[in-house]
């Protein structure tokens, strides 16, 4: 199905996440997988539109790399989006971690 990305009236760039999710909901979509970079992830986190995170951990060390989120409204460790790990699965040498967004006020384990 063709869905045009709704743009917020106040911005030349970006998309109106609430309008996009409302349109998807109207079409019967109840789950959305975000595959993109840190800017897309940060926008959905800032909009409060993330309820589950699936991440992959590979046994490799790099000296530098991109952040997982750009923006998102998280600038300090006290503002961190806390996650409750629900599943860990080994996939060859990698590990897939599935976590739900913790309820507000939940402290680190």
PDB file of N, CA and C in Angstrom:
ATOM      1  N   UNK A   1       0.847  -1.181   0.000  1.00  0.00           N
ATOM      2  CA  UNK A   1       0.000   0.000   0.000  1.00  0.00           C
ATOM      3  C   UNK A   1       0.883   1.231   0.000  1.00  0.00           C
ATOM      4  N   UNK A   2       0.449   2.233  -0.726  1.00  0.00           N
ATOM      5  CA  UNK A   2       1.195   3.480  -0.827  1.00  0.00           C
ATOM      6  C   UNK A   2       0.778   4.408   0.304  1.00  0.00           C
ATOM      7  N   UNK A   3       1.746   4.804   1.129  1.00  0.00           N
ATOM      8  CA  UNK A   3       1.487   5.761   2.194  1.00  0.00           C
ATOM      9  C   UNK A   3       2.496   6.878   2.046  1.00  0.00           C
ATOM     10  N   UNK A   4       2.010   8.079   1.843  1.00  0.00           N
ATOM     11  CA  UNK A   4       2.877   9.245   1.772  1.00  0.00           C
ATOM     12  C   UNK A   4       3.240   9.646   3.193  1.00  0.00           C
ATOM     13  N   UNK A   5       4.491  10.013   3.424  1.00  0.00           N
ATOM     14  CA  UNK A   5       4.927  10.420   4.752  1.00  0.00           C
ATOM     15  C   UNK A   5       4.366  11.783   5.092  1.00  0.00           C
ATOM     16  N   UNK A   6       3.455  11.861   6.071  1.00  0.00           N
ATOM     17  CA  UNK A   6       2.918  13.162   6.456  1.00  0.00           C
ATOM     18  C   UNK A   6       4.013  14.022   7.079  1.00  0.00           C
ATOM     19  N   UNK A   7       4.083  15.262   6.663  1.00  0.00           N
ATOM     20  CA  UNK A   7       5.081  16.191   7.189  1.00  0.00           C
ATOM     21  C   UNK A   7       4.408  17.145   8.173  1.00  0.00           C
ATOM     22  N   UNK A   8       5.084  17.424   9.283  1.00  0.00           N
ATOM     23  CA  UNK A   8       4.505  18.395  10.201  1.00  0.00           C
ATOM     24  C   UNK A   8       4.475  19.773   9.553  1.00  0.00           C
ATOM     25  N   UNK A   9       3.417  20.539   9.811  1.00  0.00           N
ATOM     26  CA  UNK A   9       3.263  21.865   9.203  1.00  0.00           C
ATOM     27  C   UNK A   9       4.385  22.803   9.607  1.00  0.00           C
ATOM     28  N   UNK A  10       4.980  22.583  10.778  1.00  0.00           N
ATOM     29  CA  UNK A  10       5.994  23.495  11.293  1.00  0.00           C
ATOM     30  C   UNK A  10       7.409  23.159  10.827  1.00  0.00           C
ATOM     31  N   UNK A  11       7.595  22.108  10.057  1.00  0.00           N
ATOM     32  CA  UNK A  11       8.958  21.703   9.687  1.00  0.00           C
ATOM     33  C   UNK A  11       9.043  21.375   8.207  1.00  0.00           C
ATOM     34  N   UNK A  12      10.161  21.784   7.614  1.00  0.00           N
ATOM     35  CA  UNK A  12      10.397  21.464   6.209  1.00  0.00           C
ATOM     36  C   UNK A  12      10.871  20.022   6.069  1.00  0.00           C
ATOM     37  N   UNK A  13      11.543  19.519   7.104  1.00  0.00           N
ATOM     38  CA  UNK A  13      12.047  18.146   7.080  1.00  0.00           C
ATOM     39  C   UNK A  13      11.357  17.341   8.166  1.00  0.00           C
ATOM     40  N   UNK A  14      11.482  16.057   8.070  1.00  0.00           N
ATOM     41  CA  UNK A  14      10.903  15.183   9.077  1.00  0.00           C
ATOM     42  C   UNK A  14       9.525  14.708   8.678  1.00  0.00           C
ATOM     43  N   UNK A  15       8.896  13.983   9.583  1.00  0.00           N
ATOM     44  CA  UNK A  15       7.561  13.495   9.316  1.00  0.00           C
ATOM     45  C   UNK A  15       6.721  13.617  10.572  1.00  0.00           C
ATOM     46  N   UNK A  16       5.437  13.635  10.394  1.00  0.00           N
ATOM     47  CA  UNK A  16       4.497  13.727  11.504  1.00  0.00           C
ATOM     48  C   UNK A  16       4.212  12.299  11.961  1.00  0.00           C
ATOM     49  N   UNK A  17       4.911  11.882  13.008  1.00  0.00           N
ATOM     50  CA  UNK A  17       4.829  10.495  13.462  1.00  0.00           C
ATOM     51  C   UNK A  17       3.422  10.152  13.925  1.00  0.00           C
ATOM     52  N   UNK A  18       2.786  11.059  14.661  1.00  0.00           N
ATOM     53  CA  UNK A  18       1.424  10.788  15.131  1.00  0.00           C
ATOM     54  C   UNK A  18       0.472  10.577  13.960  1.00  0.00           C
ATOM     55  N   UNK A  19       0.565  11.428  12.924  1.00  0.00           N
ATOM     56  CA  UNK A  19      -0.303  11.293  11.753  1.00  0.00           C
ATOM     57  C   UNK A  19      -0.004  10.007  10.997  1.00  0.00           C
ATOM     58  N   UNK A  20       1.271   9.667  10.878  1.00  0.00           N
ATOM     59  CA  UNK A  20       1.654   8.436  10.191  1.00  0.00           C
ATOM     60  C   UNK A  20       1.091   7.213  10.915  1.00  0.00           C
ATOM     61  N   UNK A  21       1.270   7.163  12.232  1.00  0.00           N
ATOM     62  CA  UNK A  21       0.765   6.024  12.990  1.00  0.00           C
ATOM     63  C   UNK A  21      -0.759   5.969  12.976  1.00  0.00           C
ATOM     64  N   UNK A  22      -1.426   7.123  12.989  1.00  0.00           N
ATOM     65  CA  UNK A  22      -2.889   7.148  12.898  1.00  0.00           C
ATOM     66  C   UNK A  22      -3.349   6.590  11.553  1.00  0.00           C
ATOM     67  N   UNK A  23      -2.663   6.952  10.476  1.00  0.00           N
ATOM     68  CA  UNK A  23      -3.021   6.438   9.149  1.00  0.00           C
ATOM     69  C   UNK A  23      -2.800   4.927   9.067  1.00  0.00           C
ATOM     70  N   UNK A  24      -1.677   4.459   9.606  1.00  0.00           N
ATOM     71  CA  UNK A  24      -1.420   3.019   9.615  1.00  0.00           C
ATOM     72  C   UNK A  24      -2.470   2.285  10.446  1.00  0.00           C
ATOM     73  N   UNK A  25      -2.830   2.842  11.598  1.00  0.00           N
ATOM     74  CA  UNK A  25      -3.846   2.234  12.457  1.00  0.00           C
ATOM     75  C   UNK A  25      -5.183   2.146  11.724  1.00  0.00           C
ATOM     76  N   UNK A  26      -5.523   3.218  11.002  1.00  0.00           N
ATOM     77  CA  UNK A  26      -6.769   3.223  10.230  1.00  0.00           C
ATOM     78  C   UNK A  26      -6.776   2.137   9.165  1.00  0.00           C
ATOM     79  N   UNK A  27      -5.593   1.748   8.715  1.00  0.00           N
ATOM     80  CA  UNK A  27      -5.479   0.686   7.705  1.00  0.00           C
ATOM     81  C   UNK A  27      -5.330  -0.701   8.322  1.00  0.00           C
ATOM     82  N   UNK A  28      -5.453  -0.792   9.656  1.00  0.00           N
ATOM     83  CA  UNK A  28      -5.389  -2.088  10.329  1.00  0.00           C
ATOM     84  C   UNK A  28      -3.999  -2.511  10.762  1.00  0.00           C
ATOM     85  N   UNK A  29      -3.016  -1.648  10.602  1.00  0.00           N
ATOM     86  CA  UNK A  29      -1.646  -1.983  10.995  1.00  0.00           C
ATOM     87  C   UNK A  29      -1.506  -1.768  12.495  1.00  0.00           C
ATOM     88  N   UNK A  30      -1.066  -2.805  13.214  1.00  0.00           N
ATOM     89  CA  UNK A  30      -0.937  -2.720  14.668  1.00  0.00           C
ATOM     90  C   UNK A  30       0.503  -2.868  15.144  1.00  0.00           C
ATOM     91  N   UNK A  31       1.421  -3.088  14.224  1.00  0.00           N
ATOM     92  CA  UNK A  31       2.830  -3.234  14.586  1.00  0.00           C
ATOM     93  C   UNK A  31       3.680  -2.679  13.454  1.00  0.00           C
ATOM     94  N   UNK A  32       4.690  -1.892  13.815  1.00  0.00           N
ATOM     95  CA  UNK A  32       5.572  -1.289  12.821  1.00  0.00           C
ATOM     96  C   UNK A  32       7.007  -1.619  13.196  1.00  0.00           C
ATOM     97  N   UNK A  33       7.771  -2.123  12.235  1.00  0.00           N
ATOM     98  CA  UNK A  33       9.193  -2.386  12.420  1.00  0.00           C
ATOM     99  C   UNK A  33       9.955  -1.227  11.815  1.00  0.00           C
ATOM    100  N   UNK A  34      10.760  -0.553  12.634  1.00  0.00           N
ATOM    101  CA  UNK A  34      11.593   0.541  12.136  1.00  0.00           C
ATOM    102  C   UNK A  34      12.955  -0.021  11.782  1.00  0.00           C
ATOM    103  N   UNK A  35      13.343   0.109  10.548  1.00  0.00           N
ATOM    104  CA  UNK A  35      14.691  -0.246  10.125  1.00  0.00           C
ATOM    105  C   UNK A  35      15.279   1.001   9.510  1.00  0.00           C
ATOM    106  N   UNK A  36      16.147   1.619  10.216  1.00  0.00           N
ATOM    107  CA  UNK A  36      16.752   2.858   9.754  1.00  0.00           C
ATOM    108  C   UNK A  36      17.911   3.196  10.650  1.00  0.00           C
ATOM    109  N   UNK A  37      18.298   4.424  10.592  1.00  0.00           N
ATOM    110  CA  UNK A  37      19.433   4.864  11.371  1.00  0.00           C
ATOM    111  C   UNK A  37      19.038   5.524  12.673  1.00  0.00           C
ATOM    112  N   UNK A  38      20.009   6.160  13.305  1.00  0.00           N
ATOM    113  CA  UNK A  38      19.778   6.779  14.612  1.00  0.00           C
ATOM    114  C   UNK A  38      18.810   7.959  14.570  1.00  0.00           C
ATOM    115  N   UNK A  39      18.677   8.638  13.437  1.00  0.00           N
ATOM    116  CA  UNK A  39      17.752   9.773  13.349  1.00  0.00           C
ATOM    117  C   UNK A  39      16.307   9.288  13.398  1.00  0.00           C
ATOM    118  N   UNK A  40      15.991   8.244  12.638  1.00  0.00           N
ATOM    119  CA  UNK A  40      14.642   7.675  12.658  1.00  0.00           C
ATOM    120  C   UNK A  40      14.321   7.129  14.042  1.00  0.00           C
ATOM    121  N   UNK A  41      15.240   6.381  14.625  1.00  0.00           N
ATOM    122  CA  UNK A  41      15.020   5.827  15.960  1.00  0.00           C
ATOM    123  C   UNK A  41      14.810   6.940  16.978  1.00  0.00           C
ATOM    124  N   UNK A  42      15.640   7.977  16.914  1.00  0.00           N
ATOM    125  CA  UNK A  42      15.515   9.092  17.847  1.00  0.00           C
ATOM    126  C   UNK A  42      14.191   9.814  17.718  1.00  0.00           C
ATOM    127  N   UNK A  43      13.698   9.982  16.491  1.00  0.00           N
ATOM    128  CA  UNK A  43      12.420  10.660  16.273  1.00  0.00           C
ATOM    129  C   UNK A  43      11.270   9.874  16.898  1.00  0.00           C
ATOM    130  N   UNK A  44      11.265   8.563  16.745  1.00  0.00           N
ATOM    131  CA  UNK A  44      10.195   7.747  17.315  1.00  0.00           C
ATOM    132  C   UNK A  44      10.295   7.678  18.831  1.00  0.00           C
ATOM    133  N   UNK A  45      11.514   7.648  19.382  1.00  0.00           N
ATOM    134  CA  UNK A  45      11.677   7.681  20.836  1.00  0.00           C
ATOM    135  C   UNK A  45      11.168   9.007  21.380  1.00  0.00           C
ATOM    136  N   UNK A  46      11.543  10.121  20.750  1.00  0.00           N
ATOM    137  CA  UNK A  46      11.105  11.447  21.200  1.00  0.00           C
ATOM    138  C   UNK A  46       9.588  11.574  21.145  1.00  0.00           C
ATOM    139  N   UNK A  47       8.945  10.906  20.196  1.00  0.00           N
ATOM    140  CA  UNK A  47       7.495  10.956  20.059  1.00  0.00           C
ATOM    141  C   UNK A  47       6.793   9.992  21.021  1.00  0.00           C
ATOM    142  N   UNK A  48       7.565   9.226  21.783  1.00  0.00           N
ATOM    143  CA  UNK A  48       6.964   8.253  22.693  1.00  0.00           C
ATOM    144  C   UNK A  48       6.288   7.111  21.970  1.00  0.00           C
ATOM    145  N   UNK A  49       6.779   6.782  20.773  1.00  0.00           N
ATOM    146  CA  UNK A  49       6.136   5.784  19.920  1.00  0.00           C
ATOM    147  C   UNK A  49       6.892   4.461  19.879  1.00  0.00           C
ATOM    148  N   UNK A  50       7.739   4.201  20.865  1.00  0.00           N
ATOM    149  CA  UNK A  50       8.496   2.950  20.905  1.00  0.00           C
ATOM    150  C   UNK A  50       8.053   2.159  22.133  1.00  0.00           C
ATOM    151  N   UNK A  51       7.657   0.908  21.916  1.00  0.00           N
ATOM    152  CA  UNK A  51       7.304   0.071  23.060  1.00  0.00           C
ATOM    153  C   UNK A  51       8.159  -1.192  23.146  1.00  0.00           C
ATOM    154  N   UNK A  52       8.951  -1.452  22.103  1.00  0.00           N
ATOM    155  CA  UNK A  52       9.817  -2.635  22.126  1.00  0.00           C
ATOM    156  C   UNK A  52      11.058  -2.342  21.306  1.00  0.00           C
ATOM    157  N   UNK A  53      12.192  -2.861  21.765  1.00  0.00           N
ATOM    158  CA  UNK A  53      13.459  -2.685  21.065  1.00  0.00           C
ATOM    159  C   UNK A  53      14.072  -4.056  20.829  1.00  0.00           C
ATOM    160  N   UNK A  54      14.487  -4.310  19.594  1.00  0.00           N
ATOM    161  CA  UNK A  54      15.205  -5.530  19.269  1.00  0.00           C
ATOM    162  C   UNK A  54      16.585  -5.101  18.796  1.00  0.00           C
ATOM    163  N   UNK A  55      17.598  -5.516  19.533  1.00  0.00           N
ATOM    164  CA  UNK A  55      18.963  -5.137  19.199  1.00  0.00           C
ATOM    165  C   UNK A  55      19.823  -6.368  19.006  1.00  0.00           C
ATOM    166  N   UNK A  56      20.901  -6.183  18.290  1.00  0.00           N
ATOM    167  CA  UNK A  56      21.829  -7.272  18.032  1.00  0.00           C
ATOM    168  C   UNK A  56      23.193  -6.895  18.580  1.00  0.00           C
ATOM    169  N   UNK A  57      23.809  -7.833  19.275  1.00  0.00           N
ATOM    170  CA  UNK A  57      25.131  -7.643  19.838  1.00  0.00           C
ATOM    171  C   UNK A  57      26.066  -8.615  19.136  1.00  0.00           C
ATOM    172  N   UNK A  58      27.078  -8.064  18.475  1.00  0.00           N
ATOM    173  CA  UNK A  58      28.039  -8.897  17.755  1.00  0.00           C
ATOM    174  C   UNK A  58      29.368  -8.867  18.524  1.00  0.00           C
ATOM    175  N   UNK A  59      30.035  -9.985  18.626  1.00  0.00           N
ATOM    176  CA  UNK A  59      31.295 -10.037  19.365  1.00  0.00           C
ATOM    177  C   UNK A  59      32.435  -9.403  18.561  1.00  0.00           C
ATOM    178  N   UNK A  60      32.420  -8.077  18.489  1.00  0.00           N
ATOM    179  CA  UNK A  60      33.461  -7.339  17.782  1.00  0.00           C
ATOM    180  C   UNK A  60      33.645  -6.004  18.492  1.00  0.00           C
ATOM    181  N   UNK A  61      34.870  -5.519  18.550  1.00  0.00           N
ATOM    182  CA  UNK A  61      35.143  -4.232  19.160  1.00  0.00           C
ATOM    183  C   UNK A  61      35.600  -3.261  18.095  1.00  0.00           C
ATOM    184  N   UNK A  62      35.006  -2.072  18.115  1.00  0.00           N
ATOM    185  CA  UNK A  62      35.382  -1.026  17.179  1.00  0.00           C
ATOM    186  C   UNK A  62      35.793   0.196  17.984  1.00  0.00           C
ATOM    187  N   UNK A  63      36.677   0.993  17.445  1.00  0.00           N
ATOM    188  CA  UNK A  63      37.130   2.189  18.146  1.00  0.00           C
ATOM    189  C   UNK A  63      36.133   3.323  18.086  1.00  0.00           C
ATOM    190  N   UNK A  64      35.252   3.314  17.111  1.00  0.00           N
ATOM    191  CA  UNK A  64      34.263   4.376  16.969  1.00  0.00           C
ATOM    192  C   UNK A  64      33.103   3.850  16.148  1.00  0.00           C
ATOM    193  N   UNK A  65      32.015   4.571  16.189  1.00  0.00           N
ATOM    194  CA  UNK A  65      30.858   4.169  15.414  1.00  0.00           C
ATOM    195  C   UNK A  65      29.706   5.098  15.680  1.00  0.00           C
ATOM    196  N   UNK A  66      28.623   4.928  14.940  1.00  0.00           N
ATOM    197  CA  UNK A  66      27.469   5.818  15.117  1.00  0.00           C
ATOM    198  C   UNK A  66      26.725   5.503  16.410  1.00  0.00           C
ATOM    199  N   UNK A  67      26.027   6.489  16.917  1.00  0.00           N
ATOM    200  CA  UNK A  67      25.173   6.303  18.081  1.00  0.00           C
ATOM    201  C   UNK A  67      23.915   5.558  17.663  1.00  0.00           C
ATOM    202  N   UNK A  68      23.271   4.914  18.607  1.00  0.00           N
ATOM    203  CA  UNK A  68      22.027   4.213  18.314  1.00  0.00           C
ATOM    204  C   UNK A  68      20.887   5.196  18.098  1.00  0.00           C
ATOM    205  N   UNK A  69      20.943   6.359  18.771  1.00  0.00           N
ATOM    206  CA  UNK A  69      19.898   7.384  18.652  1.00  0.00           C
ATOM    207  C   UNK A  69      20.526   8.726  18.337  1.00  0.00           C
ATOM    208  N   UNK A  70      19.896   9.463  17.460  1.00  0.00           N
ATOM    209  CA  UNK A  70      20.215  10.869  17.251  1.00  0.00           C
ATOM    210  C   UNK A  70      18.971  11.627  17.658  1.00  0.00           C
ATOM    211  N   UNK A  71      19.116  12.518  18.616  1.00  0.00           N
ATOM    212  CA  UNK A  71      17.932  13.190  19.148  1.00  0.00           C
ATOM    213  C   UNK A  71      17.252  12.286  20.137  1.00  0.00           C
ATOM    214  N   UNK A  72      15.979  12.220  20.084  1.00  0.00           N
ATOM    215  CA  UNK A  72      15.225  11.365  21.000  1.00  0.00           C
ATOM    216  C   UNK A  72      14.939  12.029  22.325  1.00  0.00           C
ATOM    217  N   UNK A  73      15.500  13.226  22.540  1.00  0.00           N
ATOM    218  CA  UNK A  73      15.255  13.923  23.787  1.00  0.00           C
ATOM    219  C   UNK A  73      15.999  13.356  24.971  1.00  0.00           C
ATOM    220  N   UNK A  74      16.984  12.504  24.717  1.00  0.00           N
ATOM    221  CA  UNK A  74      17.753  11.890  25.793  1.00  0.00           C
ATOM    222  C   UNK A  74      19.164  12.465  25.740  1.00  0.00           C
ATOM    223  N   UNK A  75      19.516  13.218  26.789  1.00  0.00           N
ATOM    224  CA  UNK A  75      20.838  13.852  26.791  1.00  0.00           C
ATOM    225  C   UNK A  75      21.695  13.453  27.990  1.00  0.00           C
ATOM    226  N   UNK A  76      21.083  12.836  29.001  1.00  0.00           N
ATOM    227  CA  UNK A  76      21.840  12.408  30.177  1.00  0.00           C
ATOM    228  C   UNK A  76      21.461  10.985  30.543  1.00  0.00           C
ATOM    229  N   UNK A  77      22.287  10.352  31.359  1.00  0.00           N
ATOM    230  CA  UNK A  77      22.017   8.975  31.780  1.00  0.00           C
ATOM    231  C   UNK A  77      20.730   8.900  32.607  1.00  0.00           C
ATOM    232  N   UNK A  78      20.400   9.959  33.325  1.00  0.00           N
ATOM    233  CA  UNK A  78      19.168   9.937  34.112  1.00  0.00           C
ATOM    234  C   UNK A  78      17.921   9.984  33.234  1.00  0.00           C
ATOM    235  N   UNK A  79      18.055  10.443  31.996  1.00  0.00           N
ATOM    236  CA  UNK A  79      16.933  10.476  31.050  1.00  0.00           C
ATOM    237  C   UNK A  79      16.872   9.219  30.191  1.00  0.00           C
ATOM    238  N   UNK A  80      17.776   8.281  30.423  1.00  0.00           N
ATOM    239  CA  UNK A  80      17.864   7.089  29.582  1.00  0.00           C
ATOM    240  C   UNK A  80      16.529   6.360  29.489  1.00  0.00           C
ATOM    241  N   UNK A  81      16.226   5.838  28.322  1.00  0.00           N
ATOM    242  CA  UNK A  81      15.030   5.030  28.109  1.00  0.00           C
ATOM    243  C   UNK A  81      15.335   3.634  28.644  1.00  0.00           C
ATOM    244  N   UNK A  82      14.745   3.293  29.775  1.00  0.00           N
ATOM    245  CA  UNK A  82      15.009   2.004  30.417  1.00  0.00           C
ATOM    246  C   UNK A  82      14.253   0.898  29.707  1.00  0.00           C
ATOM    247  N   UNK A  83      14.914  -0.240  29.568  1.00  0.00           N
ATOM    248  CA  UNK A  83      14.339  -1.389  28.875  1.00  0.00           C
ATOM    249  C   UNK A  83      14.326  -2.603  29.790  1.00  0.00           C
ATOM    250  N   UNK A  84      13.272  -3.416  29.699  1.00  0.00           N
ATOM    251  CA  UNK A  84      13.173  -4.682  30.411  1.00  0.00           C
ATOM    252  C   UNK A  84      13.436  -5.798  29.410  1.00  0.00           C
ATOM    253  N   UNK A  85      14.532  -6.523  29.600  1.00  0.00           N
ATOM    254  CA  UNK A  85      14.899  -7.606  28.679  1.00  0.00           C
ATOM    255  C   UNK A  85      13.876  -8.723  28.799  1.00  0.00           C
ATOM    256  N   UNK A  86      13.343  -9.135  27.659  1.00  0.00           N
ATOM    257  CA  UNK A  86      12.331 -10.194  27.612  1.00  0.00           C
ATOM    258  C   UNK A  86      12.871 -11.484  27.000  1.00  0.00           C
ATOM    259  N   UNK A  87      13.880 -11.347  26.102  1.00  0.00           N
ATOM    260  CA  UNK A  87      14.387 -12.544  25.422  1.00  0.00           C
ATOM    261  C   UNK A  87      15.805 -12.290  24.927  1.00  0.00           C
ATOM    262  N   UNK A  88      16.646 -13.308  25.051  1.00  0.00           N
ATOM    263  CA  UNK A  88      17.993 -13.299  24.469  1.00  0.00           C
ATOM    264  C   UNK A  88      18.143 -14.582  23.661  1.00  0.00           C
ATOM    265  N   UNK A  89      18.543 -14.442  22.394  1.00  0.00           N
ATOM    266  CA  UNK A  89      18.667 -15.590  21.506  1.00  0.00           C
ATOM    267  C   UNK A  89      20.017 -15.524  20.814  1.00  0.00           C
ATOM    268  N   UNK A  90      20.771 -16.632  20.857  1.00  0.00           N
ATOM    269  CA  UNK A  90      22.036 -16.711  20.131  1.00  0.00           C
ATOM    270  C   UNK A  90      21.740 -17.015  18.670  1.00  0.00           C
ATOM    271  N   UNK A  91      22.316 -16.218  17.781  1.00  0.00           N
ATOM    272  CA  UNK A  91      22.187 -16.418  16.332  1.00  0.00           C
ATOM    273  C   UNK A  91      23.593 -16.525  15.773  1.00  0.00           C
ATOM    274  N   UNK A  92      24.099 -17.747  15.708  1.00  0.00           N
ATOM    275  CA  UNK A  92      25.502 -17.917  15.324  1.00  0.00           C
ATOM    276  C   UNK A  92      26.363 -17.236  16.368  1.00  0.00           C
ATOM    277  N   UNK A  93      27.285 -16.392  15.943  1.00  0.00           N
ATOM    278  CA  UNK A  93      28.139 -15.708  16.917  1.00  0.00           C
ATOM    279  C   UNK A  93      27.479 -14.456  17.521  1.00  0.00           C
ATOM    280  N   UNK A  94      26.305 -14.080  17.038  1.00  0.00           N
ATOM    281  CA  UNK A  94      25.643 -12.865  17.503  1.00  0.00           C
ATOM    282  C   UNK A  94      24.580 -13.180  18.547  1.00  0.00           C
ATOM    283  N   UNK A  95      24.112 -12.129  19.209  1.00  0.00           N
ATOM    284  CA  UNK A  95      23.067 -12.257  20.211  1.00  0.00           C
ATOM    285  C   UNK A  95      21.962 -11.262  19.883  1.00  0.00           C
ATOM    286  N   UNK A  96      20.724 -11.753  19.802  1.00  0.00           N
ATOM    287  CA  UNK A  96      19.571 -10.872  19.594  1.00  0.00           C
ATOM    288  C   UNK A  96      18.903 -10.659  20.948  1.00  0.00           C
ATOM    289  N   UNK A  97      18.719  -9.399  21.325  1.00  0.00           N
ATOM    290  CA  UNK A  97      18.109  -9.051  22.602  1.00  0.00           C
ATOM    291  C   UNK A  97      16.801  -8.322  22.316  1.00  0.00           C
ATOM    292  N   UNK A  98      15.708  -8.833  22.863  1.00  0.00           N
ATOM    293  CA  UNK A  98      14.412  -8.189  22.727  1.00  0.00           C
ATOM    294  C   UNK A  98      14.023  -7.644  24.091  1.00  0.00           C
ATOM    295  N   UNK A  99      13.655  -6.360  24.111  1.00  0.00           N
ATOM    296  CA  UNK A  99      13.307  -5.714  25.374  1.00  0.00           C
ATOM    297  C   UNK A  99      12.085  -4.829  25.190  1.00  0.00           C
ATOM    298  N   UNK A 100      11.305  -4.711  26.243  1.00  0.00           N
ATOM    299  CA  UNK A 100      10.148  -3.811  26.249  1.00  0.00           C
ATOM    300  C   UNK A 100      10.560  -2.519  26.942  1.00  0.00           C
ATOM    301  N   UNK A 101       9.952  -1.428  26.542  1.00  0.00           N
ATOM    302  CA  UNK A 101      10.208  -0.158  27.203  1.00  0.00           C
ATOM    303  C   UNK A 101       9.638  -0.257  28.608  1.00  0.00           C
ATOM    304  N   UNK A 102      10.463   0.044  29.610  1.00  0.00           N
ATOM    305  CA  UNK A 102      10.051  -0.057  31.003  1.00  0.00           C
ATOM    306  C   UNK A 102       9.054   1.049  31.336  1.00  0.00           C
ATOM    307  N   UNK A 103       8.247   0.799  32.321  1.00  0.00           N
ATOM    308  CA  UNK A 103       7.296   1.812  32.786  1.00  0.00           C
ATOM    309  C   UNK A 103       8.064   3.016  33.309  1.00  0.00           C
ATOM    310  N   UNK A 104       7.528   4.221  33.158  1.00  0.00           N
ATOM    311  CA  UNK A 104       8.206   5.427  33.656  1.00  0.00           C
ATOM    312  C   UNK A 104       8.528   5.285  35.142  1.00  0.00           C
ATOM    313  N   UNK A 105       9.701   5.760  35.505  1.00  0.00           N
ATOM    314  CA  UNK A 105      10.121   5.704  36.909  1.00  0.00           C
ATOM    315  C   UNK A 105      10.809   4.409  37.295  1.00  0.00           C
ATOM    316  N   UNK A 106      10.882   3.437  36.358  1.00  0.00           N
ATOM    317  CA  UNK A 106      11.546   2.179  36.648  1.00  0.00           C
ATOM    318  C   UNK A 106      13.039   2.408  36.755  1.00  0.00           C
ATOM    319  N   UNK A 107      13.642   1.900  37.803  1.00  0.00           N
ATOM    320  CA  UNK A 107      15.090   2.063  38.022  1.00  0.00           C
ATOM    321  C   UNK A 107      15.843   0.932  37.341  1.00  0.00           C
ATOM    322  N   UNK A 108      17.124   1.215  37.082  1.00  0.00           N
ATOM    323  CA  UNK A 108      18.005   0.210  36.471  1.00  0.00           C
ATOM    324  C   UNK A 108      18.118  -0.989  37.396  1.00  0.00           C
ATOM    325  N   UNK A 109      18.193  -2.179  36.838  1.00  0.00           N
ATOM    326  CA  UNK A 109      18.286  -3.421  37.623  1.00  0.00           C
ATOM    327  C   UNK A 109      19.671  -3.594  38.151  1.00  0.00           C
TER     328      UNK A 109
END
